[in-house]
Protein backbone atom coordinates (compact mmCIF):
# COMPACT_ATOMS: atom_id res chain seq x y z
CA MET A 1 -22.49 -4.62 -6.47
CA ILE A 2 -19.33 -5.41 -8.49
CA ASP A 3 -19.00 -7.87 -11.27
CA TRP A 4 -15.55 -9.24 -10.45
CA ASN A 5 -15.14 -11.14 -13.63
CA VAL A 6 -15.76 -8.06 -15.69
CA ALA A 7 -13.19 -6.21 -13.40
CA VAL A 8 -10.64 -8.65 -14.33
CA GLN A 9 -11.55 -8.76 -18.08
CA ALA A 10 -11.48 -4.94 -18.26
CA GLY A 11 -8.30 -4.46 -16.27
CA THR A 12 -6.40 -7.05 -18.30
CA ARG A 13 -7.60 -5.71 -21.50
CA LEU A 14 -6.90 -2.08 -20.63
CA VAL A 15 -3.44 -2.43 -18.92
CA ARG A 16 -0.41 -1.25 -20.96
CA PRO A 17 1.99 -3.95 -21.97
CA GLY A 18 5.37 -4.07 -20.06
CA PRO A 19 8.93 -3.59 -21.43
CA GLN A 20 9.79 -5.96 -24.30
CA VAL A 21 12.28 -8.59 -23.24
CA SER A 22 13.08 -12.15 -24.47
CA HIS A 23 11.78 -15.22 -22.74
CA GLU A 24 15.18 -15.98 -21.49
CA GLU A 25 15.62 -12.47 -20.07
CA ALA A 26 12.24 -12.74 -18.44
CA ARG A 27 13.24 -16.00 -16.81
CA GLU A 28 16.42 -14.54 -15.48
CA VAL A 29 14.64 -11.53 -14.00
CA VAL A 30 12.31 -13.84 -12.19
CA LYS A 31 15.13 -16.13 -10.97
CA GLU A 32 17.10 -13.07 -9.70
CA LEU A 33 14.15 -11.41 -7.99
CA ARG A 34 13.40 -14.61 -6.04
CA GLU A 35 16.90 -14.80 -4.92
CA LEU A 36 17.42 -11.14 -4.09
CA SER A 37 14.08 -11.35 -2.11
CA ARG A 38 15.70 -14.08 0.01
CA ILE A 39 18.85 -12.09 0.56
CA ALA A 40 16.86 -9.00 1.49
CA HIS A 41 14.82 -10.94 3.92
CA GLY A 42 18.03 -11.71 5.88
CA HIS A 43 19.28 -8.06 5.69
CA VAL A 44 15.90 -6.82 7.02
CA ARG A 45 15.75 -9.30 9.79
CA ASP A 46 19.20 -8.54 11.05
CA PHE A 47 18.89 -4.76 10.78
CA THR A 48 15.40 -4.34 12.35
CA GLY A 49 15.62 -7.06 14.94
CA MET A 50 12.15 -8.11 14.31
CA ALA A 51 11.18 -11.70 14.87
CA SER A 52 10.02 -12.40 11.36
CA GLU A 53 9.92 -15.74 9.68
CA VAL A 54 13.24 -17.62 9.58
CA ASP A 55 12.63 -19.29 6.26
CA PRO A 56 9.82 -17.60 4.36
CA ALA A 57 8.05 -18.75 1.24
CA PRO A 58 9.76 -17.37 -1.88
CA ALA A 59 8.30 -14.17 -3.31
CA THR A 60 5.69 -14.65 -5.86
CA ILE A 61 6.59 -12.98 -9.16
CA VAL A 62 3.77 -11.71 -11.41
CA ASP A 63 3.22 -9.76 -14.70
CA ARG A 64 0.70 -6.87 -14.79
CA PRO A 65 -2.41 -9.05 -15.47
CA GLY A 66 -1.31 -11.32 -12.63
CA TRP A 67 -1.25 -8.46 -10.28
CA ILE A 68 -4.73 -7.33 -11.35
CA ARG A 69 -6.06 -10.92 -10.84
CA ALA A 70 -4.48 -11.16 -7.38
CA ASN A 71 -5.85 -7.72 -6.30
CA VAL A 72 -9.33 -8.62 -7.41
CA ASP A 73 -9.15 -11.75 -5.30
CA GLY A 74 -8.02 -9.51 -2.35
CA PHE A 75 -10.82 -7.05 -2.92
CA ARG A 76 -13.36 -9.79 -2.80
CA VAL A 77 -12.05 -10.89 0.63
CA VAL A 78 -11.98 -7.38 2.03
CA LEU A 79 -15.36 -6.30 0.77
CA GLU A 80 -17.24 -9.54 1.81
CA PRO A 81 -18.41 -8.03 5.13
CA LEU A 82 -19.99 -5.02 3.17
CA MET A 83 -21.54 -7.35 0.59
CA GLU A 84 -23.10 -9.49 3.38
CA GLN A 85 -24.48 -6.36 5.06
CA MET A 86 -26.03 -4.92 1.83
CA SER A 87 -27.57 -8.20 1.02
CA GLN A 88 -29.22 -8.34 4.41
CA ARG A 89 -30.52 -4.69 4.09
CA ARG A 90 -31.57 -4.88 0.47
CA GLY A 91 -35.32 -4.92 -0.09
CA PRO A 92 -37.09 -6.27 -3.12
CA GLY A 93 -36.22 -3.21 -5.22
CA PRO A 94 -38.46 -0.52 -6.84
CA LEU A 95 -39.11 -2.45 -10.06
CA GLY A 96 -39.56 -5.85 -8.43
CA GLY A 97 -38.72 -9.32 -9.87
CA ALA A 98 -36.82 -9.81 -13.01
CA ALA A 99 -36.53 -6.08 -13.85
CA ASN A 100 -34.65 -5.46 -10.64
CA VAL A 101 -32.22 -8.33 -11.26
CA VAL A 102 -31.51 -6.80 -14.64
CA VAL A 103 -30.86 -3.37 -13.14
CA GLU A 104 -28.51 -4.89 -10.53
CA ALA A 105 -26.67 -6.99 -13.30
CA VAL A 106 -26.14 -3.96 -15.46
CA GLY A 107 -24.98 -1.74 -12.50
CA SER A 108 -22.54 -4.35 -11.30
CA ARG A 109 -21.06 -4.72 -14.75
CA VAL A 110 -20.45 -0.88 -14.99
CA THR A 111 -18.87 -0.88 -11.52
CA GLY A 112 -16.71 -3.94 -12.58
CA MET A 113 -15.42 -1.99 -15.65
CA GLN A 114 -14.59 1.04 -13.41
CA VAL A 115 -12.70 -1.05 -10.81
CA GLY A 116 -10.94 -2.71 -13.96
CA ALA A 117 -9.80 0.56 -15.30
CA ILE A 118 -8.40 1.72 -11.96
CA LEU A 119 -6.44 -1.58 -11.57
CA ALA A 120 -5.23 -1.23 -15.19
CA TYR A 121 -3.71 2.13 -14.29
CA MET A 122 -2.27 0.85 -11.01
CA ALA A 123 -0.89 -2.30 -12.51
CA SER A 124 1.70 -0.42 -14.48
CA ARG A 125 2.88 1.49 -11.39
CA VAL A 126 3.21 -0.99 -8.48
CA LEU A 127 6.56 -2.62 -8.01
CA GLY A 128 5.58 -4.96 -5.23
CA GLN A 129 3.36 -5.48 -2.16
CA TYR A 130 2.83 -7.78 0.72
CA GLU A 131 -0.67 -9.26 0.26
CA LEU A 132 -2.64 -9.34 3.46
CA PHE A 133 -6.04 -10.47 2.22
CA LEU A 134 -5.95 -13.64 0.20
CA PRO A 135 -8.93 -16.23 -0.64
CA PRO A 136 -8.91 -19.52 1.24
CA ASP A 137 -7.03 -22.36 -0.21
CA PRO A 138 -8.94 -25.53 -1.41
CA SER A 139 -8.95 -26.85 2.20
CA GLY A 140 -10.69 -23.52 3.32
CA VAL A 141 -7.72 -22.12 5.06
CA ALA A 142 -6.88 -18.56 4.43
CA PRO A 143 -3.20 -18.02 3.95
CA THR A 144 -1.66 -15.37 6.22
CA GLY A 145 -0.05 -13.28 3.50
CA ARG A 146 2.12 -13.23 0.33
CA LEU A 147 4.98 -11.28 -0.90
CA THR A 148 4.49 -10.38 -4.53
CA LEU A 149 6.86 -8.53 -6.85
CA VAL A 150 5.70 -7.12 -10.35
CA ALA A 151 8.61 -8.14 -12.64
CA PRO A 152 7.83 -5.87 -15.77
CA ASN A 153 7.39 -2.79 -13.54
CA ILE A 154 10.59 -3.22 -11.73
CA VAL A 155 12.46 -3.75 -15.07
CA HIS A 156 10.58 -0.74 -16.69
CA VAL A 157 11.65 1.59 -13.79
CA GLU A 158 15.24 0.57 -13.61
CA GLN A 159 15.55 1.11 -17.39
CA GLU A 160 13.80 4.44 -17.18
CA LEU A 161 15.95 5.67 -14.33
CA GLY A 162 19.20 4.25 -15.87
CA VAL A 163 20.44 2.56 -12.73
CA ASP A 164 22.15 -0.64 -11.96
CA ALA A 165 19.56 -3.40 -12.46
CA ARG A 166 20.77 -5.72 -9.59
CA ASP A 167 21.05 -2.72 -7.11
CA PHE A 168 17.56 -1.56 -7.96
CA ARG A 169 16.01 -4.89 -7.64
CA LEU A 170 17.56 -5.52 -4.23
CA TRP A 171 16.56 -2.02 -3.10
CA VAL A 172 12.98 -2.79 -3.97
CA CYS A 173 13.13 -6.23 -2.19
CA LEU A 174 14.45 -4.61 1.02
CA HIS A 175 11.26 -2.38 1.08
CA GLU A 176 8.88 -5.20 0.41
CA GLU A 177 10.58 -7.68 2.75
CA THR A 178 10.21 -4.99 5.49
CA HIS A 179 6.49 -5.27 4.95
CA ARG A 180 6.71 -9.06 5.34
CA ALA A 181 8.74 -8.73 8.63
CA GLN A 182 6.07 -6.26 9.93
CA PHE A 183 3.13 -8.47 9.31
CA THR A 184 4.82 -11.75 10.17
CA GLY A 185 6.92 -10.43 13.01
CA VAL A 186 4.19 -8.50 14.85
CA PRO A 187 1.43 -11.19 15.73
CA TRP A 188 -1.48 -8.64 16.17
CA LEU A 189 -0.76 -6.13 13.27
CA ARG A 190 -2.42 -7.98 10.43
CA GLU A 191 -5.57 -8.56 12.60
CA TYR A 192 -5.57 -5.02 13.69
CA VAL A 193 -5.44 -3.58 10.03
CA GLN A 194 -8.12 -6.18 8.96
CA ASP A 195 -10.41 -5.06 11.84
CA GLN A 196 -10.04 -1.30 11.16
CA MET A 197 -10.88 -2.06 7.44
CA THR A 198 -13.83 -4.02 8.19
CA LYS A 199 -15.11 -1.42 10.66
CA PHE A 200 -14.39 1.22 7.98
CA LEU A 201 -16.55 -0.73 5.44
CA LEU A 202 -19.38 -1.49 7.79
CA ALA A 203 -19.69 2.18 8.76
CA SER A 204 -20.74 2.97 5.19
CA ASP A 205 -24.13 4.71 5.24
CA LEU A 206 -26.24 2.60 2.76
CA ASP A 207 -29.16 5.04 2.71
CA PRO A 208 -29.90 5.73 -0.88
CA GLY A 209 -30.30 9.65 -0.30
CA VAL A 210 -26.98 9.76 1.56
CA MET A 211 -25.26 7.67 -1.11
CA LEU A 212 -26.50 9.99 -3.88
CA GLU A 213 -25.08 13.02 -1.85
CA ARG A 214 -21.69 11.15 -1.67
CA ILE A 215 -21.72 10.56 -5.45
CA ARG A 216 -22.24 14.35 -5.87
CA ASP A 217 -19.30 14.98 -3.61
CA ALA A 218 -17.25 12.49 -5.59
CA ALA A 219 -18.10 14.25 -8.80
CA GLU A 220 -17.02 17.61 -7.23
CA ALA A 221 -13.75 15.88 -6.14
CA VAL A 222 -13.03 14.84 -9.75
CA ALA A 223 -13.69 18.23 -10.99
CA ASP A 224 -11.38 19.79 -8.24
CA ALA A 225 -8.60 17.33 -9.11
CA VAL A 226 -8.81 18.22 -12.63
CA ARG A 227 -8.53 21.92 -11.78
CA GLY A 228 -5.45 21.09 -9.74
CA GLY A 229 -6.92 20.94 -6.29
CA ASP A 230 -6.22 18.50 -3.49
CA SER A 231 -9.59 16.68 -3.55
CA ASN A 232 -9.71 12.82 -3.91
CA ILE A 233 -12.59 10.43 -4.14
CA ILE A 234 -11.82 8.61 -1.00
CA ASP A 235 -12.26 11.79 1.18
CA ALA A 236 -15.45 12.64 -0.72
CA ILE A 237 -17.33 9.42 0.04
CA GLN A 238 -16.62 8.95 3.61
CA SER A 239 -19.02 9.14 6.57
CA PRO A 240 -17.92 11.10 9.71
CA GLU A 241 -17.41 7.72 11.46
CA GLN A 242 -15.39 6.48 8.54
CA ARG A 243 -13.13 9.50 8.64
CA GLU A 244 -12.29 8.66 12.31
CA ILE A 245 -11.42 5.04 11.44
CA LEU A 246 -9.45 6.14 8.45
CA ASP A 247 -7.30 8.41 10.62
CA ARG A 248 -6.31 5.34 12.63
CA LEU A 249 -5.87 3.29 9.34
CA THR A 250 -3.69 6.10 7.71
CA ALA A 251 -1.51 6.47 10.76
CA VAL A 252 -0.64 2.72 10.86
CA MET A 253 0.01 2.61 7.12
CA THR A 254 2.14 5.79 7.25
CA LEU A 255 4.17 3.90 9.88
CA VAL A 256 4.70 0.74 7.89
CA GLU A 257 5.32 2.43 4.60
CA GLY A 258 7.68 5.05 6.18
CA HIS A 259 9.49 2.17 8.07
CA GLY A 260 9.90 0.31 4.67
CA ASP A 261 11.43 3.49 3.11
CA TYR A 262 13.68 3.94 5.99
CA VAL A 263 15.05 0.34 6.06
CA MET A 264 15.61 0.23 2.22
CA ASP A 265 17.81 3.24 2.53
CA ALA A 266 19.45 2.56 5.87
CA VAL A 267 20.36 -1.00 4.85
CA GLY A 268 21.10 0.13 1.39
CA PRO A 269 24.68 1.68 1.49
CA GLU A 270 26.22 -1.61 2.79
CA VAL A 271 24.44 -3.89 0.31
CA VAL A 272 23.35 -1.54 -2.59
CA PRO A 273 26.43 0.45 -3.62
CA SER A 274 24.38 2.86 -5.76
CA VAL A 275 21.55 3.44 -3.24
CA GLN A 276 22.04 7.25 -3.28
CA ARG A 277 21.77 7.63 -6.94
CA ILE A 278 18.75 5.29 -7.03
CA ARG A 279 16.97 7.14 -4.27
CA SER A 280 17.53 10.57 -5.88
CA ARG A 281 16.40 9.45 -9.35
CA PHE A 282 13.41 7.36 -7.90
CA GLN A 283 12.26 10.44 -5.89
CA GLY A 284 12.30 12.48 -8.97
CA ARG A 285 10.09 9.89 -10.66
CA ARG A 286 7.67 10.00 -7.78
CA ASP A 287 7.40 13.74 -7.96
CA GLY A 288 7.07 14.02 -11.75
CA GLY A 289 4.68 12.87 -14.40
CA SER A 290 2.35 14.61 -16.85
CA LYS A 291 -0.47 16.82 -15.87
CA LEU A 292 -2.90 13.92 -16.57
CA ASP A 293 -0.96 11.55 -14.49
CA ARG A 294 -0.63 14.03 -11.66
CA THR A 295 -4.29 14.62 -11.72
CA ILE A 296 -5.10 10.85 -11.57
CA ARG A 297 -2.79 10.42 -8.63
CA ARG A 298 -4.49 13.09 -6.79
CA LEU A 299 -7.94 11.71 -7.52
CA LEU A 300 -7.14 8.12 -6.60
CA GLY A 301 -5.27 9.40 -3.34
CA ILE A 302 -1.86 8.09 -4.66
CA ASP A 303 -0.29 11.41 -3.79
CA LEU A 304 -1.42 10.74 -0.10
CA LYS A 305 0.45 7.54 -0.28
CA MET A 306 3.60 9.31 -1.43
CA LYS A 307 3.21 11.73 1.56
CA GLN A 308 2.91 8.70 3.87
CA TYR A 309 6.27 7.44 2.69
CA ALA A 310 7.91 10.69 3.54
CA GLU A 311 6.18 11.46 6.85
CA GLY A 312 6.60 7.86 8.02
CA SER A 313 10.30 7.75 7.10
CA ARG A 314 10.99 11.02 9.04
CA PHE A 315 9.17 9.61 12.08
CA VAL A 316 11.26 6.39 12.08
CA ARG A 317 14.50 8.10 11.32
CA ARG A 318 13.98 10.66 14.22
CA VAL A 319 13.02 7.93 16.80
CA VAL A 320 15.83 5.57 15.78
CA THR A 321 18.29 8.40 16.07
CA GLU A 322 17.19 9.39 19.48
CA VAL A 323 16.44 6.11 21.17
CA GLY A 324 17.93 3.43 18.86
CA MET A 325 16.29 0.57 17.10
CA ASP A 326 15.19 -1.19 20.37
CA GLY A 327 13.46 1.99 21.43
CA PHE A 328 11.71 2.38 18.06
CA ASN A 329 10.61 -1.32 18.18
CA LYS A 330 8.35 -0.40 21.17
CA VAL A 331 5.94 0.72 18.44
CA TRP A 332 5.10 -2.89 17.65
CA GLN A 333 4.21 -3.87 21.19
CA SER A 334 0.38 -3.27 20.90
CA PRO A 335 -2.18 -1.17 19.13
CA GLU A 336 -1.89 1.25 21.95
CA THR A 337 1.70 1.98 21.23
CA LEU A 338 1.18 2.81 17.46
CA PRO A 339 1.66 6.52 16.79
CA THR A 340 -1.28 8.75 16.25
CA HIS A 341 -1.33 11.27 13.30
CA ALA A 342 -0.03 14.04 15.57
CA GLU A 343 2.79 11.80 16.92
CA ILE A 344 4.01 11.04 13.46
CA LYS A 345 4.25 14.67 12.58
CA GLU A 346 6.00 15.29 16.11
CA PRO A 347 7.88 12.05 17.07
CA ALA A 348 8.79 13.64 20.44
CA LEU A 349 5.10 13.18 21.46
CA TRP A 350 5.15 9.49 20.80
CA MET A 351 8.63 8.99 22.54
CA ASP A 352 7.35 10.97 25.59
CA ARG A 353 4.24 8.62 25.77
CA VAL A 354 5.81 5.26 24.92
CA VAL A 355 9.51 5.33 25.36
CA GLY A 356 9.57 7.52 28.41
CA PRO A 357 12.27 9.79 29.85
CA ARG A 358 15.35 10.26 27.72
CA ALA A 359 18.83 11.62 28.17
CA ILE A 360 18.99 15.15 26.93
CA ASP A 361 21.90 15.96 24.63
CA THR A 362 23.56 19.06 26.28
CA ALA A 363 26.60 18.99 23.99
CA PRO A 364 27.21 22.33 22.22
CA PRO A 365 26.47 22.27 18.38
CA GLU A 366 29.32 21.48 16.13
CA ALA A 367 31.05 24.41 14.49
CA SER A 368 30.34 24.65 10.74
CA GLU A 369 33.18 24.29 8.34
CA ALA A 370 34.52 27.41 6.89
């Protein structure tokens, strides 16, 4: 299906080089990011009240090719169930024997190059991530997760925005450490996300006729995105069952991304003096870019992720304002207490369902200043 070695080779060949720094500067960046990640972990743990790891492993610092290789490893883990299903369903092929093997090999290389090209684009944008899906170690045990920071991208963005380097690095670490707190402090969350992703993949309709129709839909999505429309490839290739599953996945990812954005800004003023300037300039960067860049973002669904940050952050801010952090943390009790799409858009629905009756503020509104 996918030649992963080709994906890595294509991605590392196509990815743009990072900012030019000396070896000494690079070592200092790596050292400071590890230290700031540790500092951010303590701030996040204290602020959120989540029972995350007390003494976590240091953040893994990578360059752009390193991020590509790590994500290919993750894709292989995530797609394994679908690969097994396709292998079981696959017949001898229309050409039979060696000819069919050649066709499959060529197809997997082409797909590998396509995956590599997408990863090359993403590798110059991602600042960090908490990797949920990792290959087993030599003893066969799969790690529970890993916090990764992409040093060249962090340096590039701080230079581009003209902001204080230490403040920006700590600000980024606050967001990523919030993700570590979520997936280590909530015992069922990682398994829930993995289960939903597996169900999404196994709901793929492998009928050749249906897949051809989806490919046509994907081509139309590309054309629409180029014209400035809202279509993206992910929406175009889903089955009806997958759309239902993706709704649940999107809701939980909107929550965790919005929670990360809320925490990085709420903790920020005390520990990141220039947080308001950073947020303002960073938001401008998210919303900007060339026409080609905006088209690619729409096509790959990246704009949807930006929307998740905003919607999720509004949900968290509203709930914390009304019921406090303890009330908000009821969201992590079980899969049943996660907000739905509708509840993220209207947090009162979630609070009515999960938190219960609340005191109504009857105080008159404050008079505006003259």
